[in-house]
């Protein structure tokens, strides 16, 4: 099922989905409303699958790539980063999985 909408406000009925899949865009979600929505639509024992690439900031290629982005990106929006160092919300992803949710 492909649904057009926002993570915080989907259209499936209560407990009607077995798997919610999320890609790179998870950092744009408003976590608390999205978590409530996922909990609402997932069946008992339903699952949330997250696919997210995490940049290795020590890798020379990724350092060069980031420098190019910084130099040429226009209106680059700040987003939550999930790597462990730097000014980030370190536990953002783990909060999706707290309290059995």
Protein backbone atom coordinates (compact mmCIF):
# COMPACT_ATOMS: atom_id res chain seq x y z
CA UNK A 1 0.00 0.00 0.00
CA UNK A 2 1.39 3.39 -0.97
CA UNK A 3 -0.17 6.27 0.93
CA UNK A 4 0.04 9.95 0.14
CA UNK A 5 0.17 11.96 3.33
CA UNK A 6 2.33 12.95 6.22
CA UNK A 7 3.90 10.60 8.74
CA UNK A 8 1.98 12.39 11.46
CA UNK A 9 -1.37 12.04 9.70
CA UNK A 10 -1.91 8.96 7.53
CA UNK A 11 -5.17 7.52 6.22
CA UNK A 12 -5.20 3.79 7.16
CA UNK A 13 -7.59 2.60 9.82
CA UNK A 14 -6.59 1.68 13.35
CA UNK A 15 -4.48 -1.49 13.63
CA UNK A 16 -4.64 -2.06 9.87
CA UNK A 17 -0.94 -2.11 8.91
CA UNK A 18 1.64 -4.81 9.60
CA UNK A 19 4.74 -2.86 8.60
CA UNK A 20 5.55 0.83 8.38
CA UNK A 21 8.69 1.50 6.35
CA UNK A 22 10.57 4.75 6.59
CA UNK A 23 13.54 5.92 4.59
CA UNK A 24 15.95 8.78 4.79
CA UNK A 25 13.20 11.34 5.44
CA UNK A 26 12.64 10.24 9.05
CA UNK A 27 14.68 13.19 10.27
CA UNK A 28 11.96 15.52 8.96
CA UNK A 29 9.16 13.85 10.95
CA UNK A 30 7.73 15.40 14.07
CA UNK A 31 8.67 12.40 16.19
CA UNK A 32 5.96 12.39 18.88
CA UNK A 33 2.96 12.78 16.52
CA UNK A 34 4.53 10.35 14.03
CA UNK A 35 5.07 7.79 16.78
CA UNK A 36 1.44 8.15 17.89
CA UNK A 37 0.29 7.69 14.30
CA UNK A 38 2.49 4.64 13.71
CA UNK A 39 1.22 3.13 16.96
CA UNK A 40 -2.37 3.82 15.91
CA UNK A 41 -2.13 2.23 12.46
CA UNK A 42 0.10 -0.74 13.30
CA UNK A 43 -1.44 -4.09 14.14
CA UNK A 44 -0.49 -5.81 17.37
CA UNK A 45 3.15 -6.90 16.92
CA UNK A 46 3.42 -4.63 13.87
CA UNK A 47 6.84 -3.36 12.97
CA UNK A 48 8.58 -0.14 12.00
CA UNK A 49 11.45 -0.53 9.53
CA UNK A 50 13.89 2.37 9.21
CA UNK A 51 16.48 2.60 6.43
CA UNK A 52 18.93 5.41 7.07
CA UNK A 53 22.46 6.04 5.86
CA UNK A 54 24.84 7.42 8.42
CA UNK A 55 27.88 9.33 7.21
CA UNK A 56 31.27 8.39 8.57
CA UNK A 57 32.72 11.83 9.24
CA UNK A 58 36.24 10.37 9.56
CA UNK A 59 36.19 8.97 6.02
CA UNK A 60 38.18 11.21 3.62
CA UNK A 61 35.67 10.72 0.79
CA UNK A 62 32.74 11.73 3.02
CA UNK A 63 34.68 14.78 4.28
CA UNK A 64 35.22 15.90 0.68
CA UNK A 65 31.59 15.18 -0.20
CA UNK A 66 30.38 17.25 2.77
CA UNK A 67 32.69 20.12 1.77
CA UNK A 68 31.16 20.13 -1.74
CA UNK A 69 27.65 20.16 -0.30
CA UNK A 70 28.51 22.98 2.10
CA UNK A 71 30.05 25.03 -0.71
CA UNK A 72 27.32 24.59 -3.31
CA UNK A 73 24.05 23.83 -1.51
CA UNK A 74 21.49 26.61 -1.56
CA UNK A 75 19.21 27.11 1.41
CA UNK A 76 20.39 23.87 2.96
CA UNK A 77 18.00 23.04 5.77
CA UNK A 78 19.41 21.85 9.06
CA UNK A 79 18.14 18.43 9.99
CA UNK A 80 18.70 16.13 12.91
CA UNK A 81 21.83 14.12 12.38
CA UNK A 82 22.14 10.68 13.87
CA UNK A 83 25.87 10.16 14.13
CA UNK A 84 27.30 10.16 17.62
CA UNK A 85 29.51 13.24 17.59
CA UNK A 86 28.75 16.88 17.04
CA UNK A 87 25.76 19.07 17.78
CA UNK A 88 23.02 16.52 17.19
CA UNK A 89 20.11 14.96 18.93
CA UNK A 90 21.94 11.72 19.64
CA UNK A 91 18.98 9.65 20.72
CA UNK A 92 16.44 10.78 18.10
CA UNK A 93 16.06 7.39 16.41
CA UNK A 94 16.05 5.41 19.64
CA UNK A 95 13.06 7.43 20.90
CA UNK A 96 10.90 5.84 18.19
CA UNK A 97 11.41 2.49 19.92
CA UNK A 98 10.88 3.38 23.58
CA UNK A 99 8.17 1.99 25.84
CA UNK A 100 7.37 -0.92 23.55
CA UNK A 101 6.21 1.42 20.77
